[in-house]
Protein backbone atom coordinates (compact mmCIF):
# COMPACT_ATOMS: atom_id res chain seq x y z
CA MET A 1 18.79 -31.77 59.65
CA LYS A 2 15.62 -32.98 57.92
CA LYS A 3 14.02 -29.75 59.00
CA VAL A 4 16.90 -27.54 57.68
CA LEU A 5 16.96 -29.47 54.41
CA SER A 6 13.16 -29.23 54.06
CA LEU A 7 13.33 -25.45 54.84
CA VAL A 8 16.03 -24.92 52.17
CA LEU A 9 14.15 -26.98 49.58
CA ILE A 10 10.91 -25.06 50.34
CA SER A 11 12.76 -21.73 50.21
CA ALA A 12 14.39 -22.69 46.95
CA PHE A 13 11.07 -23.78 45.52
CA LEU A 14 9.34 -20.58 46.61
CA PHE A 15 12.33 -18.52 45.33
CA SER A 16 12.03 -20.27 41.92
CA LEU A 17 8.26 -19.76 41.80
CA TRP A 18 8.78 -16.07 42.61
CA GLY A 19 11.46 -15.72 39.82
CA CYS A 20 9.40 -17.45 37.15
CA GLY A 21 6.19 -15.52 37.61
CA ASP A 22 6.19 -11.86 36.78
CA SER A 23 9.76 -11.43 36.29
CA LYS A 24 11.27 -8.02 35.86
CA SER A 25 13.78 -9.10 33.42
CA PRO A 26 14.11 -6.97 30.38
CA LYS A 27 11.69 -7.79 27.66
CA SER A 28 12.66 -7.63 23.99
CA ALA A 29 11.74 -4.30 22.49
CA PRO A 30 8.78 -4.49 20.13
CA SER A 31 9.93 -4.65 16.58
CA ALA A 32 9.22 -1.47 14.64
CA VAL A 33 6.51 -2.03 12.09
CA PRO A 34 7.40 -0.22 8.81
CA THR A 35 4.93 2.42 7.93
CA ILE A 36 4.25 3.40 4.47
CA ALA A 37 3.96 7.13 3.91
CA PRO A 38 1.11 8.10 1.66
CA THR A 39 2.36 9.32 -1.66
CA PRO A 40 1.21 12.93 -2.38
CA THR A 41 -1.17 13.37 -5.19
CA PRO A 42 0.73 15.10 -8.01
CA LYS A 43 -0.49 18.51 -8.93
CA PRO A 44 -1.91 18.60 -12.44
CA GLN A 45 0.29 20.49 -14.86
CA MET A 46 -1.43 23.67 -16.04
CA VAL A 47 -1.50 25.37 -19.47
CA LYS A 48 -2.37 28.94 -20.15
CA ILE A 49 -5.15 29.79 -22.58
CA ALA A 50 -6.75 33.01 -23.89
CA GLN A 51 -10.51 33.29 -23.40
CA VAL A 52 -12.35 35.84 -25.42
CA LYS A 53 -14.13 38.58 -23.41
CA GLU A 54 -17.60 39.74 -24.31
CA VAL A 55 -17.42 40.97 -27.92
CA ASP A 56 -20.09 41.89 -30.35
CA PRO A 57 -20.24 40.50 -32.97
CA GLY A 58 -16.84 38.90 -32.64
CA LEU A 59 -13.02 39.06 -32.31
CA ASN A 60 -10.85 38.97 -35.40
CA ILE A 61 -8.28 36.16 -35.46
CA ARG A 62 -5.31 37.50 -37.43
CA ALA A 63 -2.36 35.98 -39.24
CA LYS A 64 0.00 38.78 -37.90
CA ALA A 65 0.10 40.62 -34.68
CA SER A 66 -1.43 43.73 -36.29
CA SER A 67 -4.85 45.11 -37.19
CA ASP A 68 -3.49 45.02 -40.77
CA GLY A 69 -2.93 41.26 -40.63
CA GLU A 70 -5.03 38.93 -42.69
CA ILE A 71 -8.17 37.85 -40.96
CA LEU A 72 -8.16 34.08 -40.56
CA GLY A 73 -11.48 33.82 -38.66
CA MET A 74 -13.64 35.35 -35.90
CA ALA A 75 -13.93 34.27 -32.32
CA GLU A 76 -16.98 34.75 -30.16
CA THR A 77 -17.47 35.52 -26.55
CA GLY A 78 -16.16 32.64 -24.37
CA ASP A 79 -14.05 31.01 -27.08
CA GLN A 80 -10.80 29.56 -25.83
CA PHE A 81 -7.42 29.21 -27.57
CA LEU A 82 -4.15 27.68 -26.50
CA LEU A 83 -1.47 30.34 -25.88
CA LEU A 84 1.74 29.66 -27.75
CA VAL A 85 3.47 32.44 -25.83
CA GLU A 86 2.27 33.01 -22.31
CA THR A 87 2.35 36.78 -22.23
CA GLU A 88 1.06 39.35 -24.66
CA LYS A 89 3.43 41.25 -26.83
CA ASN A 90 2.53 44.76 -28.03
CA GLY A 91 -1.14 44.19 -27.30
CA TRP A 92 -1.49 40.78 -29.03
CA TYR A 93 -1.58 37.16 -27.82
CA GLN A 94 -0.01 34.49 -29.89
CA ILE A 95 -2.47 31.54 -30.09
CA GLU A 96 -3.05 28.30 -31.92
CA TYR A 97 -5.84 28.48 -34.37
CA GLU A 98 -6.72 25.55 -36.67
CA GLY A 99 -3.40 24.01 -35.90
CA LYS A 100 -1.42 27.21 -36.92
CA THR A 101 -0.07 30.32 -35.30
CA ALA A 102 -2.45 33.16 -35.10
CA TYR A 103 -2.99 36.40 -33.09
CA ILE A 104 -5.91 37.96 -31.13
CA SER A 105 -5.90 41.40 -29.50
CA SER A 106 -5.07 41.15 -25.83
CA GLU A 107 -7.64 43.97 -25.17
CA PHE A 108 -10.43 41.46 -25.77
CA ALA A 109 -9.12 38.28 -24.09
CA ASP A 110 -8.36 37.13 -20.61
CA VAL A 111 -5.57 34.51 -19.69
CA LYS A 112 -6.74 31.50 -17.76
CA GLU A 113 -5.09 28.33 -16.74
CA ILE A 114 -6.45 24.81 -17.62
CA THR A 115 -5.05 21.29 -17.01
CA LEU A 116 -3.11 19.40 -19.64
CA THR A 117 -6.09 17.09 -20.08
CA GLU A 118 -8.41 20.05 -20.84
CA ALA A 119 -5.69 21.50 -23.21
CA ALA A 120 -5.62 18.19 -25.10
CA LYS A 121 -9.37 18.37 -25.60
CA LEU A 122 -8.99 21.99 -26.70
CA ARG A 123 -6.26 21.01 -29.16
CA GLU A 124 -8.48 18.21 -30.58
CA THR A 125 -11.13 20.78 -31.44
CA SER A 126 -8.78 23.60 -32.47
CA ALA A 127 -10.55 23.65 -35.78
CA ALA A 128 -13.39 25.11 -33.87
CA PRO A 129 -12.73 27.05 -30.65
CA VAL A 130 -14.17 25.52 -27.61
CA SER A 131 -16.81 27.61 -26.01
CA SER A 132 -17.06 28.02 -22.29
CA GLY A 133 -20.82 28.20 -22.59
CA GLU A 134 -20.95 32.00 -22.92
CA GLY A 135 -20.68 32.06 -26.66
CA SER A 136 -23.49 31.04 -28.96
CA GLN A 137 -21.68 28.75 -31.43
CA THR A 138 -18.50 26.67 -31.48
CA SER A 139 -18.36 26.01 -35.13
CA LEU A 140 -15.84 27.53 -37.55
CA PRO A 141 -16.58 31.09 -38.54
CA GLU A 142 -16.62 30.04 -42.15
CA SER A 143 -19.62 27.74 -41.51
CA ARG A 144 -21.92 30.58 -40.45
CA PRO A 145 -24.43 31.31 -43.13
CA ASP A 146 -24.28 35.10 -42.57
CA GLN A 147 -20.62 35.22 -43.66
CA ASN A 148 -20.64 32.89 -46.61
CA SER A 149 -23.41 34.66 -48.49
CA SER A 150 -22.10 38.22 -48.03
CA SER A 151 -18.45 38.16 -49.31
CA SER A 152 -16.65 36.82 -52.39
CA ALA A 153 -13.52 34.65 -52.03
CA SER A 154 -11.35 37.11 -54.05
CA SER A 155 -12.05 40.04 -51.71
CA SER A 156 -9.00 41.20 -49.72
CA ALA A 157 -11.17 42.55 -46.86
CA PRO A 158 -13.54 39.87 -45.60
CA ALA A 159 -17.04 40.94 -44.77
CA ASN A 160 -16.59 39.85 -41.09
CA SER A 161 -14.07 42.66 -40.41
CA ARG A 162 -16.61 45.43 -40.77
CA HIS A 163 -17.61 45.46 -37.08
CA ALA A 164 -15.22 42.96 -35.50
CA GLU A 165 -13.25 44.00 -32.52
CA ASP A 166 -9.40 43.94 -32.26
CA GLY A 167 -8.40 47.50 -32.01
CA GLU A 168 -9.61 48.56 -35.45
CA GLN A 169 -12.99 50.18 -36.09
C-alpha cells in the first residue's frame, strides 16, 4: 500500500507540475491601446485677387465700370487688388482700392487666389497696391512726380489717362 500511495502522490505531484507550467488555459486578451488619429491640417482659406497684366504705362482704376468713369488712380504691371466680386461683369472687375470700391478692365488683369493671411497684408497696404515684383513701384499713383507736375487739380481729365489702358485709347 505504501507503494500505491507513493505512486499516487508522485503522479499527483507530476500532474500538478505539468498543469502549472506552460498551461494552455486561455489568457486574457491584451487590452486595446487607444490610438489618436492625427488631425488633418486645415486647408487655408483662399481669396481671389486681380493682378494687373503687363501694361504700359499703366491701367486706369475707375470709379465706375466704364471707360467714362472717373479715374481714381493708375495700376502698374503686377499690382494686386482684392476682388469684391469674384467674376468680371461686362468686362470689368470690381476691386478694393484705397478702402473703396473701384473698377479695372478685365482685359488687363488676371484672377489669382491668395491665402487669407496674404489678403490681410494686401488690405493693410490697399492705399498702395502690392506689387508682385514685376511692377516698378508700389506707391500711390499720386506720389509719382511725373503726374503731379503735369496736371491741374481742376482738370476733369487727368493727365494719366492719355495713354493708360482700360479699353479706351
